[in-house]
Amino acid sequence: MKPKIHPEYYTDAKIICACGNTFTTGSIKKVLKVELCSKCHPFYTGEQRVVDTLGRVERFKRRYKLEG
């Protein structure tokens, strides 16, 4: 590998979820903030929940005039 062209790799990078869960992993960034993790993601928790990204669900409901 060529010297001085690769980013620094942190083996103790801190991941912070919107639900409050924190854990460490390896990354090129020291701190990462995420919206979903394995503690709050509907697939892993088993609960039925709509994860809205940028208001897409509301836009869909307004467009097709759905109740909900």
Protein backbone atom coordinates (compact mmCIF):
# COMPACT_ATOMS: atom_id res chain seq x y z
CA MET A 1 0.00 0.00 0.00
CA LYS A 2 1.15 3.50 -0.72
CA PRO A 3 1.78 5.63 2.35
CA LYS A 4 -0.37 8.67 3.19
CA ILE A 5 -3.26 7.95 0.76
CA HIS A 6 -5.48 5.73 2.92
CA PRO A 7 -7.80 7.13 5.61
CA GLU A 8 -7.10 6.37 9.24
CA TYR A 9 -9.02 3.32 10.50
CA TYR A 10 -10.48 3.48 14.02
CA THR A 11 -11.05 0.11 15.66
CA ASP A 12 -13.05 1.73 18.45
CA ALA A 13 -15.51 3.87 16.45
CA LYS A 14 -18.64 4.75 18.43
CA ILE A 15 -22.04 4.19 16.77
CA ILE A 16 -24.97 6.17 18.20
CA CYS A 17 -28.55 5.27 17.21
CA ALA A 18 -31.54 7.61 17.37
CA CYS A 19 -33.15 5.24 19.90
CA GLY A 20 -30.24 5.81 22.31
CA ASN A 21 -28.39 2.53 21.75
CA THR A 22 -24.61 2.83 21.43
CA PHE A 23 -21.96 0.30 20.47
CA THR A 24 -18.45 0.22 19.04
CA THR A 25 -17.12 -1.14 15.78
CA GLY A 26 -14.40 -0.41 13.23
CA SER A 27 -14.76 2.50 10.82
CA ILE A 28 -12.87 5.33 9.17
CA LYS A 29 -15.00 7.80 11.15
CA LYS A 30 -14.60 8.13 14.91
CA VAL A 31 -18.34 8.70 15.61
CA LEU A 32 -21.29 7.62 13.44
CA LYS A 33 -24.93 8.58 14.03
CA VAL A 34 -27.57 6.26 12.59
CA GLU A 35 -31.39 6.24 12.56
CA LEU A 36 -31.93 2.50 12.96
CA CYS A 37 -30.00 -0.28 14.68
CA SER A 38 -30.66 -3.92 15.50
CA LYS A 39 -32.37 -2.89 18.78
CA CYS A 40 -35.02 -0.73 17.10
CA HIS A 41 -35.29 -2.00 13.49
CA PRO A 42 -38.73 -3.55 12.78
CA PHE A 43 -37.20 -6.60 11.10
CA TYR A 44 -35.23 -7.55 14.21
CA THR A 45 -37.79 -6.50 16.84
CA GLY A 46 -40.72 -8.28 15.18
CA GLU A 47 -43.08 -5.33 15.56
CA GLN A 48 -44.96 -3.94 12.60
CA ARG A 49 -43.88 -0.35 12.14
CA VAL A 50 -43.58 1.92 9.13
CA VAL A 51 -40.15 3.50 8.92
CA ASP A 52 -40.78 6.81 7.20
CA THR A 53 -37.95 8.23 5.15
CA LEU A 54 -38.29 11.90 4.31
CA GLY A 55 -42.10 11.93 4.56
CA ARG A 56 -42.71 9.38 1.81
CA VAL A 57 -45.59 7.71 3.61
CA GLU A 58 -47.44 11.00 4.14
CA ARG A 59 -46.82 12.01 0.53
CA PHE A 60 -48.23 8.69 -0.68
CA LYS A 61 -51.32 9.06 1.52
CA ARG A 62 -51.91 12.63 0.35
CA ARG A 63 -51.47 11.68 -3.29
CA TYR A 64 -53.99 8.83 -3.15
CA LYS A 65 -56.16 10.40 -0.41
CA LEU A 66 -55.85 7.44 1.93
CA GLU A 67 -57.01 7.52 5.54
CA GLY A 68 -54.63 6.55 8.30
